[in-house]
Amino acid sequence: MKKNIIVTGTSRGIGYQMVPILADSGHNVLALSRNDVPISGLEITNCYCFPCDITDSHDIKKVSEFIEEKWQHVDILINNSGYIVNKPFEKLTQSDFKDSYEVNVFGLAAITQAVLPFMNNDGHVVSISSMGGIQGSMKFPGLAAYSSSKGAVLTLTELLAEEYKEKGPSFNALALGAVQTEMLDEAFPGYKAPLSAKEMAEYIVEFSLTGNKYYNGKILQVSNSTP
């Protein structure tokens, strides 16, 4: 069954890989990222894209206007946008923390608020987090801003699932381990992850389409390695 699906953070990495997988399956996709060039270059007929900074209220408004005009409803929202900074804690600035939380938490909350009025009881909001945000998981020096913001995403997911449990949609979060993406390479040059961006994209797509049948308010750890 064809669904209307919004994916954030689609200019590269996992988000970029998800778009053609969803579109090739016949779904309508709205691909959002600050830079829309990579996705627009794919020339997929059932995929819409325009530049969108989820930390900008004017850009968020454009998303609501698009939904009203083109779709009227949204079935799935995949909150995939992410911002990472790798610095020793003593060298992290307030701006580093603000940038991390603006994208990973506040931007995620803003786009979710904008899309929720268009979602039904059987809708699904999937937020991409990190194993670094899991209590008791292995932590890495230099990721104080990033991992703490991703921990906030997990708690927010649980809270929203509780708040919307009577009327929907479902809210779940995937805490990813290491995946071979440009963002990982920037943070940890030379590190080789066990999974490619496309492999993880395939998993997230499948979970987004079916996971709300089995889960709500759940944090799933998606990692085949210690990190």
Protein backbone atom coordinates (compact mmCIF):
# COMPACT_ATOMS: atom_id res chain seq x y z
CA MET A 1 0.00 0.00 0.00
CA LYS A 2 1.41 3.37 -1.06
CA LYS A 3 2.32 5.66 1.84
CA ASN A 4 3.31 9.30 2.20
CA ILE A 5 6.69 9.38 3.94
CA ILE A 6 8.87 12.26 5.11
CA VAL A 7 12.60 11.72 5.66
CA THR A 8 14.91 14.37 7.10
CA GLY A 9 18.66 14.53 6.60
CA THR A 10 18.64 13.13 3.06
CA SER A 11 21.63 14.84 1.45
CA ARG A 12 24.03 12.04 2.34
CA GLY A 13 24.55 8.87 4.33
CA ILE A 14 21.64 6.77 5.56
CA GLY A 15 19.01 9.37 4.68
CA TYR A 16 20.24 9.61 1.09
CA GLN A 17 20.11 5.82 0.76
CA MET A 18 16.58 5.57 2.16
CA VAL A 19 14.98 7.80 -0.46
CA PRO A 20 15.37 5.56 -3.56
CA ILE A 21 14.53 2.45 -1.51
CA LEU A 22 11.22 3.98 -0.46
CA ALA A 23 10.50 5.51 -3.85
CA ASP A 24 11.29 2.28 -5.73
CA SER A 25 8.77 0.54 -3.46
CA GLY A 26 6.09 2.89 -4.79
CA HIS A 27 5.79 5.25 -1.82
CA ASN A 28 5.58 9.02 -2.05
CA VAL A 29 8.62 10.61 -0.42
CA LEU A 30 9.34 14.12 0.80
CA ALA A 31 13.11 14.33 1.21
CA LEU A 32 14.25 17.18 3.43
CA SER A 33 17.78 18.48 3.98
CA ARG A 34 19.60 21.78 4.00
CA ASN A 35 21.07 20.81 0.64
CA ASP A 36 18.54 19.31 -1.78
CA VAL A 37 20.95 18.93 -4.70
CA PRO A 38 21.93 15.25 -4.14
CA ILE A 39 18.30 14.07 -4.01
CA SER A 40 17.03 16.34 -6.78
CA GLY A 41 19.75 14.85 -8.97
CA LEU A 42 18.16 11.40 -8.65
CA GLU A 43 15.14 12.66 -10.64
CA ILE A 44 12.64 10.32 -8.95
CA THR A 45 9.08 11.10 -10.02
CA ASN A 46 7.39 10.14 -6.74
CA CYS A 47 9.94 12.05 -4.65
CA TYR A 48 9.65 15.70 -3.69
CA CYS A 49 12.51 17.67 -2.22
CA PHE A 50 13.32 21.23 -1.30
CA PRO A 51 15.91 22.83 0.97
CA CYS A 52 14.76 22.64 4.58
CA ASP A 53 16.64 23.56 7.73
CA ILE A 54 14.67 21.94 10.54
CA THR A 55 16.05 24.55 12.95
CA ASP A 56 14.38 27.34 10.91
CA SER A 57 10.70 28.01 11.67
CA HIS A 58 10.13 29.44 8.18
CA ASP A 59 11.39 26.23 6.56
CA ILE A 60 9.24 24.15 8.91
CA LYS A 61 6.21 26.16 7.77
CA LYS A 62 7.03 25.25 4.17
CA VAL A 63 6.69 21.58 5.11
CA SER A 64 3.21 22.12 6.56
CA GLU A 65 2.19 24.06 3.45
CA PHE A 66 3.49 21.29 1.19
CA ILE A 67 1.52 18.63 3.06
CA GLU A 68 -1.68 20.68 2.92
CA GLU A 69 -1.30 21.30 -0.80
CA LYS A 70 0.04 17.97 -2.06
CA TRP A 71 -0.77 15.17 0.37
CA GLN A 72 -3.23 16.17 3.11
CA HIS A 73 -1.89 13.38 5.30
CA VAL A 74 1.43 11.77 6.30
CA ASP A 75 1.86 8.10 7.16
CA ILE A 76 5.48 8.00 8.31
CA LEU A 77 8.00 10.56 9.56
CA ILE A 78 11.62 9.44 9.78
CA ASN A 79 13.64 11.88 11.89
CA ASN A 80 17.07 11.13 10.49
CA SER A 81 18.82 14.53 10.58
CA GLY A 82 21.89 14.58 12.77
CA TYR A 83 24.74 16.85 13.80
CA ILE A 84 27.95 15.58 15.36
CA VAL A 85 30.95 17.29 16.91
CA ASN A 86 33.95 15.40 18.27
CA LYS A 87 35.99 17.46 20.74
CA PRO A 88 37.34 16.93 24.24
CA PHE A 89 34.80 18.22 26.76
CA GLU A 90 37.08 21.03 27.95
CA LYS A 91 37.24 22.37 24.39
CA LEU A 92 33.52 22.17 23.63
CA THR A 93 31.96 25.61 23.33
CA GLN A 94 28.40 26.63 24.10
CA SER A 95 27.91 26.89 20.35
CA ASP A 96 28.97 23.26 19.93
CA PHE A 97 26.33 22.16 22.42
CA LYS A 98 23.70 24.48 20.94
CA ASP A 99 24.37 23.28 17.39
CA SER A 100 24.05 19.65 18.48
CA TYR A 101 20.82 20.18 20.37
CA GLU A 102 19.33 22.55 17.76
CA VAL A 103 19.44 19.82 15.12
CA ASN A 104 19.26 16.60 17.13
CA VAL A 105 16.57 17.65 19.63
CA PHE A 106 14.90 21.02 18.96
CA GLY A 107 14.76 20.62 15.17
CA LEU A 108 13.48 17.07 15.54
CA ALA A 109 10.77 18.29 17.91
CA ALA A 110 9.81 21.16 15.57
CA ILE A 111 9.36 19.02 12.46
CA THR A 112 7.46 16.43 14.49
CA GLN A 113 5.10 19.11 15.81
CA ALA A 114 4.50 20.35 12.27
CA VAL A 115 3.74 16.91 10.85
CA LEU A 116 1.63 15.45 13.69
CA PRO A 117 -1.62 17.24 12.72
CA PHE A 118 -1.50 15.36 9.42
CA MET A 119 -0.94 11.90 10.92
CA ASN A 120 -3.56 9.31 11.85
CA ASN A 121 -3.72 6.67 14.57
CA ASP A 122 -1.85 4.18 12.39
CA GLY A 123 0.98 6.60 11.60
CA HIS A 124 4.57 6.02 12.66
CA VAL A 125 7.23 8.47 13.82
CA VAL A 126 10.71 6.92 13.80
CA SER A 127 13.57 8.89 15.32
CA ILE A 128 17.15 7.89 14.61
CA SER A 129 19.30 8.03 17.71
CA SER A 130 22.61 6.46 18.71
CA MET A 131 23.95 3.74 20.93
CA GLY A 132 25.87 6.57 22.59
CA GLY A 133 22.56 7.82 23.99
CA ILE A 134 21.74 4.50 25.66
CA GLN A 135 22.24 4.42 29.42
CA GLY A 136 24.99 1.95 30.28
CA SER A 137 26.36 1.67 26.74
CA MET A 138 30.00 2.21 25.90
CA LYS A 139 30.76 5.93 25.70
CA PHE A 140 33.39 7.66 23.60
CA PRO A 141 35.47 10.65 24.68
CA GLY A 142 34.73 13.71 22.57
CA LEU A 143 31.03 12.99 22.06
CA ALA A 144 29.59 14.74 25.12
CA ALA A 145 27.42 17.09 23.06
CA TYR A 146 26.36 14.55 20.44
CA SER A 147 25.63 11.55 22.64
CA SER A 148 23.81 13.55 25.32
CA SER A 149 21.56 15.08 22.65
CA LYS A 150 20.83 11.63 21.26
CA GLY A 151 19.95 10.48 24.77
CA ALA A 152 17.39 13.29 24.90
CA VAL A 153 15.83 11.94 21.69
CA LEU A 154 15.24 8.58 23.36
CA THR A 155 13.48 10.09 26.37
CA LEU A 156 11.42 12.36 24.10
CA THR A 157 10.29 9.32 22.09
CA GLU A 158 9.04 7.56 25.22
CA LEU A 159 7.21 10.68 26.38
CA LEU A 160 5.49 11.26 23.04
CA ALA A 161 4.37 7.64 22.82
CA GLU A 162 2.71 8.05 26.21
CA GLU A 163 1.14 11.39 25.33
CA TYR A 164 -0.31 10.14 22.03
CA LYS A 165 -1.09 6.54 22.98
CA GLU A 166 -4.88 7.05 22.72
CA LYS A 167 -4.99 8.85 19.37
CA GLY A 168 -1.69 7.89 17.73
CA PRO A 169 0.60 7.91 15.92
CA SER A 170 3.17 5.45 17.26
CA PHE A 171 6.62 6.70 18.27
CA ASN A 172 9.75 4.57 18.27
CA ALA A 173 13.49 5.25 18.20
CA LEU A 174 16.36 3.28 16.74
CA ALA A 175 19.68 3.61 18.57
CA LEU A 176 22.22 2.87 15.87
CA GLY A 177 25.70 1.50 16.35
CA ALA A 178 28.54 2.37 14.00
CA VAL A 179 27.53 2.75 10.35
CA GLN A 180 29.91 3.67 7.53
CA THR A 181 28.74 7.19 6.72
CA GLU A 182 30.37 10.51 5.93
CA MET A 183 29.43 11.74 9.40
CA LEU A 184 31.20 8.80 11.05
CA ASP A 185 34.28 9.37 8.90
CA GLU A 186 34.37 13.04 9.91
CA ALA A 187 34.11 12.19 13.61
CA PHE A 188 36.38 9.12 13.57
CA PRO A 189 38.68 9.24 10.53
CA GLY A 190 39.88 5.81 9.49
CA TYR A 191 37.36 3.84 11.56
CA LYS A 192 35.68 1.06 9.58
CA ALA A 193 32.12 0.32 10.61
CA PRO A 194 30.55 -3.14 10.22
CA LEU A 195 27.52 -1.87 8.28
CA SER A 196 27.19 0.31 5.20
CA ALA A 197 24.77 3.23 4.97
CA LYS A 198 22.67 1.32 2.44
CA GLU A 199 22.41 -1.75 4.67
CA MET A 200 21.22 0.33 7.60
CA ALA A 201 18.87 2.28 5.33
CA GLU A 202 17.20 -0.96 4.26
CA TYR A 203 16.65 -1.93 7.88
CA ILE A 204 15.23 1.46 8.87
CA VAL A 205 12.87 1.48 5.88
CA GLU A 206 11.48 -1.94 6.80
CA PHE A 207 11.10 -0.96 10.45
CA SER A 208 9.39 2.31 9.54
CA LEU A 209 6.85 0.51 7.37
CA THR A 210 6.00 -2.29 9.80
CA GLY A 211 7.46 -1.58 13.27
CA ASN A 212 4.42 0.26 14.61
CA LYS A 213 2.46 -2.99 14.42
CA TYR A 214 4.65 -4.40 17.18
CA TYR A 215 6.18 -1.44 19.01
CA ASN A 216 5.24 1.90 20.53
CA GLY A 217 7.42 4.00 22.81
CA LYS A 218 10.29 1.58 22.37
CA ILE A 219 14.02 2.11 22.02
CA LEU A 220 15.57 -0.54 19.78
CA GLN A 221 19.33 -0.98 19.84
CA VAL A 222 20.56 -1.64 16.30
CA SER A 223 24.16 -2.66 16.63
CA ASN A 224 26.14 -5.82 15.96
CA SER A 225 29.25 -4.45 17.64
CA THR A 226 30.05 -3.09 21.09
CA PRO A 227 29.70 0.60 20.05
